[in-house]
């Protein structure tokens, strides 16, 4: 709270630069500098990840429990609404844009669609920009979301969760370099949702590059089906064991080696 008091209106106005879809993140050497704001949003999201630990189930790993911040939901929301964000819960229908799967109850009917049963924490929007998805418990048939995968496989574009592994580009870097990590930019606009708008790598690879070119899809990415890659981009995790699970098992670290961070959908799907 003392930091929020010091930040003042100028910080809030700076964040508001990111509130509408556009090309602000490409602006460099001007005021405001787009790249610095992308990094700042990432750092702010790390604060959110830490504060959200209190609302998450414990890990099943045999180790000492995390020390949790003690705060109420309204205290969590006060931090970010004071910076110009708006909270949402939207618990009627599940949407991967708005909802992060925290726990899965497996329905008897394998074709039962995903249904929200409980909201664990609210989501946050900064204007049109998604800052945080709401955390939800769901019930679903295994054809839509598999318990142990949709709620326990690595969550990408995320630094920390108590109950599941996470993967973001800051991990493994030193205390200075990790703060030069980009925040994922997803926008909900009148024309539709736009995912990872700063991404510059086609989700199905480039026909203009050799399949083994370092800027094309990696072998692990190619083992995922086009549908699985889209699922990962939309949900930030896989919902079911991949079709090529046996082949991927030959690369024990394949989930951490995946690099979906620059994926973008074709214009026809955006």
C-alpha atoms as a PDB file:
ATOM      1  CA  UNK A   1       0.000   0.000   0.000  1.00  0.00           C
ATOM      2  CA  UNK A   2       2.827   2.510   0.632  1.00  0.00           C
ATOM      3  CA  UNK A   3       4.109   1.756  -2.884  1.00  0.00           C
ATOM      4  CA  UNK A   4       0.637   2.408  -4.320  1.00  0.00           C
ATOM      5  CA  UNK A   5       0.526   5.723  -2.506  1.00  0.00           C
ATOM      6  CA  UNK A   6       3.873   6.720  -4.018  1.00  0.00           C
ATOM      7  CA  UNK A   7       2.973   5.515  -7.518  1.00  0.00           C
ATOM      8  CA  UNK A   8       0.230   8.097  -7.889  1.00  0.00           C
ATOM      9  CA  UNK A   9      -1.720   9.164 -10.949  1.00  0.00           C
ATOM     10  CA  UNK A  10       1.230   9.251 -13.329  1.00  0.00           C
ATOM     11  CA  UNK A  11       1.819   5.511 -12.924  1.00  0.00           C
ATOM     12  CA  UNK A  12      -1.867   4.781 -13.424  1.00  0.00           C
ATOM     13  CA  UNK A  13      -1.876   6.935 -16.583  1.00  0.00           C
ATOM     14  CA  UNK A  14       1.184   5.065 -17.877  1.00  0.00           C
ATOM     15  CA  UNK A  15      -0.547   1.715 -17.418  1.00  0.00           C
ATOM     16  CA  UNK A  16      -3.624   3.063 -19.189  1.00  0.00           C
ATOM     17  CA  UNK A  17      -1.513   3.352 -22.359  1.00  0.00           C
ATOM     18  CA  UNK A  18      -1.899  -0.435 -22.673  1.00  0.00           C
ATOM     19  CA  UNK A  19      -5.668  -0.478 -22.158  1.00  0.00           C
ATOM     20  CA  UNK A  20      -6.635  -0.478 -25.848  1.00  0.00           C
ATOM     21  CA  UNK A  21      -5.490  -2.691 -28.692  1.00  0.00           C
ATOM     22  CA  UNK A  22      -3.139  -0.911 -31.036  1.00  0.00           C
ATOM     23  CA  UNK A  23       0.570  -0.764 -31.724  1.00  0.00           C
ATOM     24  CA  UNK A  24       1.709   0.939 -28.511  1.00  0.00           C
ATOM     25  CA  UNK A  25       4.046  -1.964 -27.641  1.00  0.00           C
ATOM     26  CA  UNK A  26       6.132  -1.301 -30.761  1.00  0.00           C
ATOM     27  CA  UNK A  27       6.902   2.297 -29.736  1.00  0.00           C
ATOM     28  CA  UNK A  28      10.537   2.705 -28.704  1.00  0.00           C
ATOM     29  CA  UNK A  29      12.528   5.795 -27.830  1.00  0.00           C
ATOM     30  CA  UNK A  30       9.363   7.811 -27.210  1.00  0.00           C
ATOM     31  CA  UNK A  31       7.287   8.654 -24.164  1.00  0.00           C
ATOM     32  CA  UNK A  32       5.788   6.342 -23.123  1.00  0.00           C
ATOM     33  CA  UNK A  33       8.187   3.631 -24.275  1.00  0.00           C
ATOM     34  CA  UNK A  34       6.172   0.571 -25.291  1.00  0.00           C
ATOM     35  CA  UNK A  35       8.821  -2.029 -24.486  1.00  0.00           C
ATOM     36  CA  UNK A  36       9.308  -0.692 -20.977  1.00  0.00           C
ATOM     37  CA  UNK A  37       5.567  -0.837 -20.392  1.00  0.00           C
ATOM     38  CA  UNK A  38       5.424  -4.479 -21.555  1.00  0.00           C
ATOM     39  CA  UNK A  39       8.158  -5.266 -19.014  1.00  0.00           C
ATOM     40  CA  UNK A  40       6.383  -3.279 -16.318  1.00  0.00           C
ATOM     41  CA  UNK A  41       3.144  -5.199 -16.893  1.00  0.00           C
ATOM     42  CA  UNK A  42       5.102  -8.428 -16.514  1.00  0.00           C
ATOM     43  CA  UNK A  43       6.606  -7.255 -13.212  1.00  0.00           C
ATOM     44  CA  UNK A  44       3.160  -6.199 -11.975  1.00  0.00           C
ATOM     45  CA  UNK A  45       1.801  -9.601 -12.979  1.00  0.00           C
ATOM     46  CA  UNK A  46       4.500 -11.234 -10.849  1.00  0.00           C
ATOM     47  CA  UNK A  47       3.093  -9.299  -7.881  1.00  0.00           C
ATOM     48  CA  UNK A  48      -0.335 -10.665  -8.753  1.00  0.00           C
ATOM     49  CA  UNK A  49       1.015 -14.237  -8.962  1.00  0.00           C
ATOM     50  CA  UNK A  50       2.400 -13.917  -5.446  1.00  0.00           C
ATOM     51  CA  UNK A  51      -0.793 -12.473  -3.985  1.00  0.00           C
ATOM     52  CA  UNK A  52      -2.966 -15.111  -5.660  1.00  0.00           C
ATOM     53  CA  UNK A  53      -1.192 -17.974  -3.847  1.00  0.00           C
ATOM     54  CA  UNK A  54      -3.543 -17.602  -0.922  1.00  0.00           C
ATOM     55  CA  UNK A  55      -6.520 -18.597  -3.101  1.00  0.00           C
ATOM     56  CA  UNK A  56      -4.946 -21.746  -4.589  1.00  0.00           C
ATOM     57  CA  UNK A  57      -5.038 -25.393  -3.485  1.00  0.00           C
ATOM     58  CA  UNK A  58      -1.840 -26.827  -1.996  1.00  0.00           C
ATOM     59  CA  UNK A  59       0.641 -28.808  -4.008  1.00  0.00           C
ATOM     60  CA  UNK A  60       0.518 -32.604  -3.841  1.00  0.00           C
ATOM     61  CA  UNK A  61       4.317 -32.730  -3.726  1.00  0.00           C
ATOM     62  CA  UNK A  62       5.796 -34.094  -0.455  1.00  0.00           C
ATOM     63  CA  UNK A  63       7.410 -30.894   0.740  1.00  0.00           C
ATOM     64  CA  UNK A  64       6.800 -28.105   3.202  1.00  0.00           C
ATOM     65  CA  UNK A  65       3.795 -25.940   2.321  1.00  0.00           C
ATOM     66  CA  UNK A  66       4.362 -22.526   0.824  1.00  0.00           C
ATOM     67  CA  UNK A  67       4.240 -19.545   3.093  1.00  0.00           C
ATOM     68  CA  UNK A  68       1.119 -17.740   1.942  1.00  0.00           C
ATOM     69  CA  UNK A  69       0.304 -14.055   2.013  1.00  0.00           C
ATOM     70  CA  UNK A  70      -2.623 -13.453   4.319  1.00  0.00           C
ATOM     71  CA  UNK A  71      -5.097 -11.244   2.530  1.00  0.00           C
ATOM     72  CA  UNK A  72      -8.761 -11.103   1.646  1.00  0.00           C
ATOM     73  CA  UNK A  73     -10.161 -11.022  -1.865  1.00  0.00           C
ATOM     74  CA  UNK A  74     -11.159  -7.391  -1.455  1.00  0.00           C
ATOM     75  CA  UNK A  75      -7.599  -6.530  -0.406  1.00  0.00           C
ATOM     76  CA  UNK A  76      -6.226  -8.261  -3.500  1.00  0.00           C
ATOM     77  CA  UNK A  77      -8.689  -6.362  -5.683  1.00  0.00           C
ATOM     78  CA  UNK A  78      -7.947  -3.029  -4.005  1.00  0.00           C
ATOM     79  CA  UNK A  79      -4.325  -3.244  -5.132  1.00  0.00           C
ATOM     80  CA  UNK A  80      -5.198  -3.515  -8.809  1.00  0.00           C
ATOM     81  CA  UNK A  81      -8.431  -1.548  -9.035  1.00  0.00           C
ATOM     82  CA  UNK A  82      -6.526   1.384  -7.533  1.00  0.00           C
ATOM     83  CA  UNK A  83      -4.336   1.157 -10.651  1.00  0.00           C
ATOM     84  CA  UNK A  84      -7.322   1.463 -12.992  1.00  0.00           C
ATOM     85  CA  UNK A  85      -8.241  -2.180 -13.485  1.00  0.00           C
ATOM     86  CA  UNK A  86     -11.752  -3.635 -13.276  1.00  0.00           C
ATOM     87  CA  UNK A  87     -12.575  -6.999 -11.728  1.00  0.00           C
ATOM     88  CA  UNK A  88     -14.823  -9.651 -13.241  1.00  0.00           C
ATOM     89  CA  UNK A  89     -16.052 -13.118 -12.325  1.00  0.00           C
ATOM     90  CA  UNK A  90     -18.391 -14.059 -15.202  1.00  0.00           C
ATOM     91  CA  UNK A  91     -19.235 -17.456 -13.746  1.00  0.00           C
ATOM     92  CA  UNK A  92     -22.102 -18.379 -16.045  1.00  0.00           C
ATOM     93  CA  UNK A  93     -20.198 -19.924 -18.960  1.00  0.00           C
ATOM     94  CA  UNK A  94     -16.601 -21.068 -19.196  1.00  0.00           C
ATOM     95  CA  UNK A  95     -14.377 -19.098 -21.578  1.00  0.00           C
ATOM     96  CA  UNK A  96     -10.636 -19.797 -21.879  1.00  0.00           C
ATOM     97  CA  UNK A  97     -10.048 -16.094 -22.491  1.00  0.00           C
ATOM     98  CA  UNK A  98     -11.501 -15.268 -19.070  1.00  0.00           C
ATOM     99  CA  UNK A  99     -11.028 -18.402 -16.968  1.00  0.00           C
ATOM    100  CA  UNK A 100      -8.025 -20.377 -15.711  1.00  0.00           C
ATOM    101  CA  UNK A 101      -8.764 -23.997 -14.788  1.00  0.00           C
ATOM    102  CA  UNK A 102      -7.598 -24.688 -11.231  1.00  0.00           C
ATOM    103  CA  UNK A 103      -9.286 -28.014 -10.482  1.00  0.00           C
ATOM    104  CA  UNK A 104     -11.232 -30.502 -12.606  1.00  0.00           C
ATOM    105  CA  UNK A 105     -14.067 -32.739 -11.443  1.00  0.00           C
ATOM    106  CA  UNK A 106     -14.360 -35.504 -14.031  1.00  0.00           C
ATOM    107  CA  UNK A 107     -17.950 -35.955 -15.201  1.00  0.00           C
ATOM    108  CA  UNK A 108     -19.251 -39.472 -15.848  1.00  0.00           C
ATOM    109  CA  UNK A 109     -20.287 -38.511 -19.386  1.00  0.00           C
ATOM    110  CA  UNK A 110     -17.025 -38.182 -21.371  1.00  0.00           C
ATOM    111  CA  UNK A 111     -18.687 -35.655 -23.697  1.00  0.00           C
ATOM    112  CA  UNK A 112     -20.030 -33.375 -20.934  1.00  0.00           C
ATOM    113  CA  UNK A 113     -18.967 -29.781 -21.735  1.00  0.00           C
ATOM    114  CA  UNK A 114     -16.910 -27.677 -19.357  1.00  0.00           C
ATOM    115  CA  UNK A 115     -19.058 -26.195 -16.599  1.00  0.00           C
ATOM    116  CA  UNK A 116     -17.885 -23.795 -13.891  1.00  0.00           C
ATOM    117  CA  UNK A 117     -18.680 -25.066 -10.382  1.00  0.00           C
ATOM    118  CA  UNK A 118     -16.812 -22.473  -8.290  1.00  0.00           C
ATOM    119  CA  UNK A 119     -14.846 -19.252  -8.748  1.00  0.00           C
ATOM    120  CA  UNK A 120     -11.713 -19.193  -6.592  1.00  0.00           C
ATOM    121  CA  UNK A 121     -10.488 -15.714  -7.461  1.00  0.00           C
ATOM    122  CA  UNK A 122     -11.732 -12.883  -9.688  1.00  0.00           C
ATOM    123  CA  UNK A 123     -10.192 -11.826 -12.979  1.00  0.00           C
ATOM    124  CA  UNK A 124      -8.898  -8.389 -13.887  1.00  0.00           C
ATOM    125  CA  UNK A 125      -9.088  -6.293 -17.048  1.00  0.00           C
ATOM    126  CA  UNK A 126      -7.186  -3.118 -17.834  1.00  0.00           C
ATOM    127  CA  UNK A 127      -9.608  -1.629 -20.319  1.00  0.00           C
ATOM    128  CA  UNK A 128      -9.630  -4.107 -23.226  1.00  0.00           C
ATOM    129  CA  UNK A 129      -6.428  -5.796 -22.002  1.00  0.00           C
ATOM    130  CA  UNK A 130      -6.664  -9.028 -20.024  1.00  0.00           C
ATOM    131  CA  UNK A 131      -4.426  -8.786 -16.958  1.00  0.00           C
ATOM    132  CA  UNK A 132      -5.516 -11.849 -14.962  1.00  0.00           C
ATOM    133  CA  UNK A 133      -7.977 -14.632 -15.675  1.00  0.00           C
ATOM    134  CA  UNK A 134     -10.432 -15.697 -12.982  1.00  0.00           C
ATOM    135  CA  UNK A 135      -9.490 -18.995 -11.317  1.00  0.00           C
ATOM    136  CA  UNK A 136     -12.230 -21.620 -11.507  1.00  0.00           C
ATOM    137  CA  UNK A 137     -13.113 -25.160 -10.545  1.00  0.00           C
ATOM    138  CA  UNK A 138     -14.879 -26.988 -13.339  1.00  0.00           C
ATOM    139  CA  UNK A 139     -16.766 -30.174 -14.103  1.00  0.00           C
ATOM    140  CA  UNK A 140     -16.206 -31.692 -17.546  1.00  0.00           C
ATOM    141  CA  UNK A 141     -16.128 -34.901 -19.525  1.00  0.00           C
ATOM    142  CA  UNK A 142     -12.702 -36.303 -20.316  1.00  0.00           C
ATOM    143  CA  UNK A 143     -13.160 -35.432 -24.008  1.00  0.00           C
ATOM    144  CA  UNK A 144     -13.124 -31.745 -23.022  1.00  0.00           C
ATOM    145  CA  UNK A 145     -10.829 -31.519 -19.972  1.00  0.00           C
ATOM    146  CA  UNK A 146      -8.846 -34.313 -18.358  1.00  0.00           C
ATOM    147  CA  UNK A 147      -8.290 -34.269 -14.606  1.00  0.00           C
ATOM    148  CA  UNK A 148      -4.556 -34.271 -13.925  1.00  0.00           C
ATOM    149  CA  UNK A 149      -3.779 -32.542 -17.238  1.00  0.00           C
ATOM    150  CA  UNK A 150      -6.055 -29.497 -17.503  1.00  0.00           C
ATOM    151  CA  UNK A 151      -5.417 -28.675 -13.831  1.00  0.00           C
ATOM    152  CA  UNK A 152      -1.889 -30.034 -13.220  1.00  0.00           C
ATOM    153  CA  UNK A 153       0.100 -29.817 -16.470  1.00  0.00           C
ATOM    154  CA  UNK A 154       2.430 -26.804 -16.901  1.00  0.00           C
ATOM    155  CA  UNK A 155       0.710 -23.443 -17.122  1.00  0.00           C
ATOM    156  CA  UNK A 156       2.518 -21.215 -19.628  1.00  0.00           C
ATOM    157  CA  UNK A 157       2.893 -17.412 -19.495  1.00  0.00           C
ATOM    158  CA  UNK A 158       2.754 -17.760 -15.703  1.00  0.00           C
ATOM    159  CA  UNK A 159       5.509 -17.450 -13.105  1.00  0.00           C
ATOM    160  CA  UNK A 160       4.078 -19.259 -10.095  1.00  0.00           C
ATOM    161  CA  UNK A 161       1.188 -21.412  -8.880  1.00  0.00           C
ATOM    162  CA  UNK A 162       1.067 -23.484  -5.708  1.00  0.00           C
ATOM    163  CA  UNK A 163      -0.618 -26.528  -7.226  1.00  0.00           C
ATOM    164  CA  UNK A 164       1.008 -26.949 -10.651  1.00  0.00           C
ATOM    165  CA  UNK A 165       4.223 -26.290 -12.569  1.00  0.00           C
ATOM    166  CA  UNK A 166       4.523 -23.071 -14.527  1.00  0.00           C
ATOM    167  CA  UNK A 167       6.654 -21.926 -17.450  1.00  0.00           C
ATOM    168  CA  UNK A 168       7.556 -18.381 -18.402  1.00  0.00           C
ATOM    169  CA  UNK A 169      10.576 -16.847 -20.074  1.00  0.00           C
ATOM    170  CA  UNK A 170      11.971 -15.310 -16.888  1.00  0.00           C
ATOM    171  CA  UNK A 171      12.700 -18.648 -15.269  1.00  0.00           C
ATOM    172  CA  UNK A 172      16.363 -19.577 -15.163  1.00  0.00           C
ATOM    173  CA  UNK A 173      17.604 -15.992 -15.536  1.00  0.00           C
ATOM    174  CA  UNK A 174      19.334 -13.850 -12.946  1.00  0.00           C
ATOM    175  CA  UNK A 175      17.751 -11.215 -10.751  1.00  0.00           C
ATOM    176  CA  UNK A 176      18.233  -8.487 -13.376  1.00  0.00           C
ATOM    177  CA  UNK A 177      17.641 -10.271 -16.678  1.00  0.00           C
ATOM    178  CA  UNK A 178      14.376 -11.895 -15.619  1.00  0.00           C
ATOM    179  CA  UNK A 179      12.682  -8.502 -15.465  1.00  0.00           C
ATOM    180  CA  UNK A 180      13.171  -8.094 -19.212  1.00  0.00           C
ATOM    181  CA  UNK A 181      10.349 -10.566 -19.836  1.00  0.00           C
ATOM    182  CA  UNK A 182       7.379  -9.600 -21.999  1.00  0.00           C
ATOM    183  CA  UNK A 183       3.836  -9.665 -20.658  1.00  0.00           C
ATOM    184  CA  UNK A 184       1.415 -11.573 -22.884  1.00  0.00           C
ATOM    185  CA  UNK A 185      -1.023  -9.174 -24.555  1.00  0.00           C
ATOM    186  CA  UNK A 186      -4.581 -10.474 -25.049  1.00  0.00           C
ATOM    187  CA  UNK A 187      -7.353  -8.055 -25.968  1.00  0.00           C
ATOM    188  CA  UNK A 188     -11.135  -8.332 -25.913  1.00  0.00           C
ATOM    189  CA  UNK A 189     -12.303  -5.870 -28.558  1.00  0.00           C
ATOM    190  CA  UNK A 190     -15.669  -5.145 -30.220  1.00  0.00           C
ATOM    191  CA  UNK A 191     -14.363  -7.058 -33.252  1.00  0.00           C
ATOM    192  CA  UNK A 192     -13.473 -10.124 -31.178  1.00  0.00           C
ATOM    193  CA  UNK A 193     -10.737 -11.518 -28.973  1.00  0.00           C
ATOM    194  CA  UNK A 194      -7.114 -11.068 -30.052  1.00  0.00           C
ATOM    195  CA  UNK A 195      -4.582 -13.455 -28.502  1.00  0.00           C
ATOM    196  CA  UNK A 196      -0.878 -12.849 -27.948  1.00  0.00           C
ATOM    197  CA  UNK A 197      -0.970  -9.887 -30.298  1.00  0.00           C
ATOM    198  CA  UNK A 198       2.768  -9.225 -30.060  1.00  0.00           C
ATOM    199  CA  UNK A 199       3.543 -12.795 -31.181  1.00  0.00           C
ATOM    200  CA  UNK A 200       5.399 -13.026 -34.470  1.00  0.00           C
ATOM    201  CA  UNK A 201       5.680 -16.778 -35.112  1.00  0.00           C
ATOM    202  CA  UNK A 202       2.923 -18.633 -37.011  1.00  0.00           C
ATOM    203  CA  UNK A 203       1.372 -21.295 -34.795  1.00  0.00           C
ATOM    204  CA  UNK A 204       1.578 -23.877 -37.612  1.00  0.00           C
ATOM    205  CA  UNK A 205       5.115 -22.957 -38.613  1.00  0.00           C
ATOM    206  CA  UNK A 206       6.330 -21.203 -41.737  1.00  0.00           C
ATOM    207  CA  UNK A 207       6.267 -22.853 -45.151  1.00  0.00           C
ATOM    208  CA  UNK A 208       9.004 -20.405 -46.206  1.00  0.00           C
ATOM    209  CA  UNK A 209      11.467 -21.911 -43.710  1.00  0.00           C
ATOM    210  CA  UNK A 210      12.995 -25.369 -43.584  1.00  0.00           C
ATOM    211  CA  UNK A 211      11.207 -27.502 -40.945  1.00  0.00           C
ATOM    212  CA  UNK A 212      14.459 -27.650 -38.931  1.00  0.00           C
ATOM    213  CA  UNK A 213      15.144 -23.920 -39.120  1.00  0.00           C
ATOM    214  CA  UNK A 214      15.593 -22.563 -35.556  1.00  0.00           C
ATOM    215  CA  UNK A 215      12.832 -19.990 -36.124  1.00  0.00           C
ATOM    216  CA  UNK A 216      10.354 -22.644 -37.242  1.00  0.00           C
ATOM    217  CA  UNK A 217       8.427 -25.032 -34.995  1.00  0.00           C
ATOM    218  CA  UNK A 218      10.599 -27.264 -32.837  1.00  0.00           C
ATOM    219  CA  UNK A 219      10.295 -31.070 -33.077  1.00  0.00           C
ATOM    220  CA  UNK A 220       8.230 -31.076 -29.866  1.00  0.00           C
ATOM    221  CA  UNK A 221       5.910 -28.376 -31.196  1.00  0.00           C
ATOM    222  CA  UNK A 222       5.424 -30.314 -34.431  1.00  0.00           C
ATOM    223  CA  UNK A 223       4.411 -33.412 -32.442  1.00  0.00           C
ATOM    224  CA  UNK A 224       1.442 -31.472 -31.091  1.00  0.00           C
ATOM    225  CA  UNK A 225      -1.529 -31.449 -33.449  1.00  0.00           C
ATOM    226  CA  UNK A 226      -2.732 -28.090 -34.807  1.00  0.00           C
ATOM    227  CA  UNK A 227      -5.714 -28.393 -32.462  1.00  0.00           C
ATOM    228  CA  UNK A 228      -3.487 -29.041 -29.463  1.00  0.00           C
ATOM    229  CA  UNK A 229      -1.328 -26.030 -30.273  1.00  0.00           C
ATOM    230  CA  UNK A 230      -4.425 -23.844 -30.449  1.00  0.00           C
ATOM    231  CA  UNK A 231      -5.700 -25.329 -27.216  1.00  0.00           C
ATOM    232  CA  UNK A 232      -2.426 -24.457 -25.525  1.00  0.00           C
ATOM    233  CA  UNK A 233      -2.500 -20.889 -26.860  1.00  0.00           C
ATOM    234  CA  UNK A 234      -6.097 -20.309 -25.756  1.00  0.00           C
ATOM    235  CA  UNK A 235      -5.981 -22.074 -22.376  1.00  0.00           C
ATOM    236  CA  UNK A 236      -2.255 -21.515 -21.676  1.00  0.00           C
ATOM    237  CA  UNK A 237      -2.024 -25.249 -20.982  1.00  0.00           C
ATOM    238  CA  UNK A 238      -3.055 -28.543 -22.534  1.00  0.00           C
ATOM    239  CA  UNK A 239      -6.477 -29.901 -21.574  1.00  0.00           C
ATOM    240  CA  UNK A 240      -5.840 -33.571 -22.390  1.00  0.00           C
ATOM    241  CA  UNK A 241      -2.834 -35.818 -22.870  1.00  0.00           C
ATOM    242  CA  UNK A 242      -1.487 -35.126 -26.383  1.00  0.00           C
ATOM    243  CA  UNK A 243      -2.048 -37.667 -29.131  1.00  0.00           C
ATOM    244  CA  UNK A 244       1.731 -38.077 -29.502  1.00  0.00           C
ATOM    245  CA  UNK A 245       2.294 -38.624 -25.765  1.00  0.00           C
ATOM    246  CA  UNK A 246       4.396 -41.754 -26.362  1.00  0.00           C
ATOM    247  CA  UNK A 247       6.691 -39.986 -28.835  1.00  0.00           C
ATOM    248  CA  UNK A 248       6.987 -36.933 -26.596  1.00  0.00           C
ATOM    249  CA  UNK A 249       7.918 -39.180 -23.650  1.00  0.00           C
ATOM    250  CA  UNK A 250      11.242 -39.685 -25.416  1.00  0.00           C
ATOM    251  CA  UNK A 251      12.024 -36.061 -24.489  1.00  0.00           C
ATOM    252  CA  UNK A 252      11.403 -35.973 -20.715  1.00  0.00           C
ATOM    253  CA  UNK A 253      11.680 -32.166 -20.579  1.00  0.00           C
ATOM    254  CA  UNK A 254       9.468 -31.531 -23.618  1.00  0.00           C
ATOM    255  CA  UNK A 255       6.877 -29.512 -21.685  1.00  0.00           C
ATOM    256  CA  UNK A 256       9.521 -27.066 -20.467  1.00  0.00           C
ATOM    257  CA  UNK A 257      11.227 -27.017 -23.849  1.00  0.00           C
ATOM    258  CA  UNK A 258       8.071 -25.901 -25.656  1.00  0.00           C
ATOM    259  CA  UNK A 259       8.264 -22.285 -26.800  1.00  0.00           C
ATOM    260  CA  UNK A 260       4.687 -21.113 -27.467  1.00  0.00           C
ATOM    261  CA  UNK A 261       5.397 -17.575 -26.281  1.00  0.00           C
ATOM    262  CA  UNK A 262       5.566 -16.041 -29.774  1.00  0.00           C
ATOM    263  CA  UNK A 263       2.800 -18.110 -31.376  1.00  0.00           C
ATOM    264  CA  UNK A 264       0.146 -16.241 -33.277  1.00  0.00           C
ATOM    265  CA  UNK A 265      -2.995 -17.459 -34.974  1.00  0.00           C
ATOM    266  CA  UNK A 266      -3.604 -16.995 -38.716  1.00  0.00           C
ATOM    267  CA  UNK A 267      -5.476 -13.798 -39.532  1.00  0.00           C
ATOM    268  CA  UNK A 268      -8.481 -15.898 -40.516  1.00  0.00           C
ATOM    269  CA  UNK A 269      -8.708 -17.223 -36.933  1.00  0.00           C
ATOM    270  CA  UNK A 270      -7.789 -14.060 -35.034  1.00  0.00           C
END
